[in-house]
Amino acid sequence: MHINLSLAPIVALIAGILILLMPKLLNYIIALYLIVVGLLGLFGTGGTLHFR
């Protein structure tokens, strides 16, 4: 069984929920998201996780 999950939509969903619950976290969430996306781009994983 293959489950393909893209990382960006999962992170965006979690970030959106946290922003709704605690709006003051917006700056931290955006900063962490940008750092994660940047690191994934640098290391070439393309932001896709493959679970088997």
N, C-alpha and C. Protein backbone atom coordinates (compact mmCIF):
# COMPACT_ATOMS: atom_id res chain seq x y z
N MET A 1 0.85 -1.18 0.00
CA MET A 1 0.00 0.00 0.00
C MET A 1 0.88 1.24 0.00
N HIS A 2 0.62 2.15 -0.92
CA HIS A 2 1.40 3.38 -1.01
C HIS A 2 0.52 4.56 -0.61
N ILE A 3 1.07 5.39 0.27
CA ILE A 3 0.40 6.63 0.66
C ILE A 3 1.37 7.76 0.34
N ASN A 4 1.00 8.62 -0.58
CA ASN A 4 1.84 9.76 -0.94
C ASN A 4 1.26 11.02 -0.31
N LEU A 5 2.04 11.65 0.52
CA LEU A 5 1.62 12.88 1.17
C LEU A 5 2.56 14.00 0.76
N SER A 6 2.00 15.12 0.40
CA SER A 6 2.82 16.28 0.11
C SER A 6 2.96 17.08 1.40
N LEU A 7 4.16 17.52 1.69
CA LEU A 7 4.44 18.18 2.96
C LEU A 7 3.81 19.56 3.05
N ALA A 8 3.83 20.34 1.99
CA ALA A 8 3.35 21.72 2.03
C ALA A 8 1.88 21.84 2.46
N PRO A 9 0.95 21.05 1.91
CA PRO A 9 -0.44 21.18 2.35
C PRO A 9 -0.65 20.79 3.82
N ILE A 10 0.10 19.81 4.29
CA ILE A 10 -0.03 19.41 5.69
C ILE A 10 0.45 20.52 6.61
N VAL A 11 1.60 21.09 6.29
CA VAL A 11 2.14 22.19 7.10
C VAL A 11 1.20 23.39 7.03
N ALA A 12 0.67 23.69 5.86
CA ALA A 12 -0.24 24.83 5.71
C ALA A 12 -1.51 24.62 6.53
N LEU A 13 -2.03 23.41 6.54
CA LEU A 13 -3.24 23.11 7.32
C LEU A 13 -2.99 23.29 8.81
N ILE A 14 -1.89 22.74 9.29
CA ILE A 14 -1.55 22.88 10.71
C ILE A 14 -1.32 24.35 11.07
N ALA A 15 -0.61 25.06 10.21
CA ALA A 15 -0.35 26.48 10.46
C ALA A 15 -1.65 27.28 10.48
N GLY A 16 -2.55 26.99 9.56
CA GLY A 16 -3.83 27.69 9.52
C GLY A 16 -4.64 27.48 10.78
N ILE A 17 -4.67 26.25 11.27
CA ILE A 17 -5.41 25.96 12.50
C ILE A 17 -4.79 26.68 13.69
N LEU A 18 -3.45 26.66 13.77
CA LEU A 18 -2.79 27.35 14.88
C LEU A 18 -3.01 28.85 14.83
N ILE A 19 -3.02 29.42 13.62
CA ILE A 19 -3.26 30.86 13.49
C ILE A 19 -4.67 31.20 13.95
N LEU A 20 -5.64 30.36 13.61
CA LEU A 20 -7.01 30.61 14.06
C LEU A 20 -7.12 30.53 15.58
N LEU A 21 -6.41 29.59 16.19
CA LEU A 21 -6.48 29.41 17.63
C LEU A 21 -5.69 30.47 18.39
N MET A 22 -4.52 30.82 17.87
CA MET A 22 -3.64 31.77 18.54
C MET A 22 -3.03 32.72 17.52
N PRO A 23 -3.73 33.81 17.19
CA PRO A 23 -3.25 34.72 16.13
C PRO A 23 -1.87 35.32 16.39
N LYS A 24 -1.44 35.40 17.65
CA LYS A 24 -0.12 35.98 17.94
C LYS A 24 1.02 35.10 17.45
N LEU A 25 0.71 33.83 17.13
CA LEU A 25 1.74 32.92 16.65
C LEU A 25 2.02 33.08 15.16
N LEU A 26 1.32 33.97 14.50
CA LEU A 26 1.42 34.12 13.05
C LEU A 26 2.85 34.31 12.58
N ASN A 27 3.59 35.21 13.21
CA ASN A 27 4.98 35.47 12.78
C ASN A 27 5.85 34.24 12.93
N TYR A 28 5.71 33.52 14.03
CA TYR A 28 6.52 32.33 14.26
C TYR A 28 6.17 31.22 13.27
N ILE A 29 4.89 31.05 13.01
CA ILE A 29 4.45 30.00 12.10
C ILE A 29 4.96 30.28 10.68
N ILE A 30 4.86 31.52 10.25
CA ILE A 30 5.35 31.88 8.91
C ILE A 30 6.86 31.68 8.84
N ALA A 31 7.57 32.10 9.87
CA ALA A 31 9.02 31.94 9.88
C ALA A 31 9.42 30.47 9.82
N LEU A 32 8.78 29.63 10.62
CA LEU A 32 9.10 28.21 10.61
C LEU A 32 8.76 27.57 9.27
N TYR A 33 7.63 27.96 8.70
CA TYR A 33 7.22 27.42 7.41
C TYR A 33 8.25 27.77 6.33
N LEU A 34 8.68 29.02 6.32
CA LEU A 34 9.67 29.43 5.32
C LEU A 34 11.00 28.72 5.51
N ILE A 35 11.41 28.52 6.76
CA ILE A 35 12.65 27.81 7.03
C ILE A 35 12.56 26.37 6.55
N VAL A 36 11.44 25.70 6.86
CA VAL A 36 11.26 24.31 6.46
C VAL A 36 11.24 24.18 4.94
N VAL A 37 10.49 25.05 4.27
CA VAL A 37 10.42 24.99 2.80
C VAL A 37 11.78 25.28 2.19
N GLY A 38 12.51 26.22 2.76
CA GLY A 38 13.85 26.54 2.27
C GLY A 38 14.81 25.37 2.43
N LEU A 39 14.77 24.72 3.59
CA LEU A 39 15.65 23.57 3.82
C LEU A 39 15.29 22.41 2.90
N LEU A 40 14.02 22.17 2.71
CA LEU A 40 13.60 21.11 1.80
C LEU A 40 14.05 21.41 0.37
N GLY A 41 13.97 22.68 -0.02
CA GLY A 41 14.41 23.06 -1.35
C GLY A 41 15.92 22.90 -1.53
N LEU A 42 16.67 23.24 -0.48
CA LEU A 42 18.13 23.13 -0.56
C LEU A 42 18.58 21.68 -0.63
N PHE A 43 17.94 20.82 0.13
CA PHE A 43 18.37 19.43 0.18
C PHE A 43 17.68 18.56 -0.85
N GLY A 44 16.82 19.16 -1.67
CA GLY A 44 16.28 18.48 -2.84
C GLY A 44 15.25 17.41 -2.61
N THR A 45 14.55 17.42 -1.48
CA THR A 45 13.52 16.41 -1.28
C THR A 45 12.25 16.77 -2.01
N GLY A 46 12.10 18.01 -2.42
CA GLY A 46 10.93 18.42 -3.18
C GLY A 46 9.67 18.56 -2.35
N GLY A 47 9.77 18.38 -1.05
CA GLY A 47 8.61 18.56 -0.19
C GLY A 47 7.61 17.40 -0.23
N THR A 48 8.02 16.25 -0.75
CA THR A 48 7.11 15.12 -0.83
C THR A 48 7.62 13.98 0.05
N LEU A 49 6.73 13.47 0.88
CA LEU A 49 7.05 12.32 1.71
C LEU A 49 6.38 11.09 1.13
N HIS A 50 7.08 9.98 1.10
CA HIS A 50 6.52 8.73 0.59
C HIS A 50 6.54 7.70 1.71
N PHE A 51 5.36 7.24 2.09
CA PHE A 51 5.25 6.20 3.12
C PHE A 51 4.92 4.88 2.47
N ARG A 52 5.54 3.82 2.92
CA ARG A 52 5.23 2.49 2.39
C ARG A 52 4.82 1.59 3.53
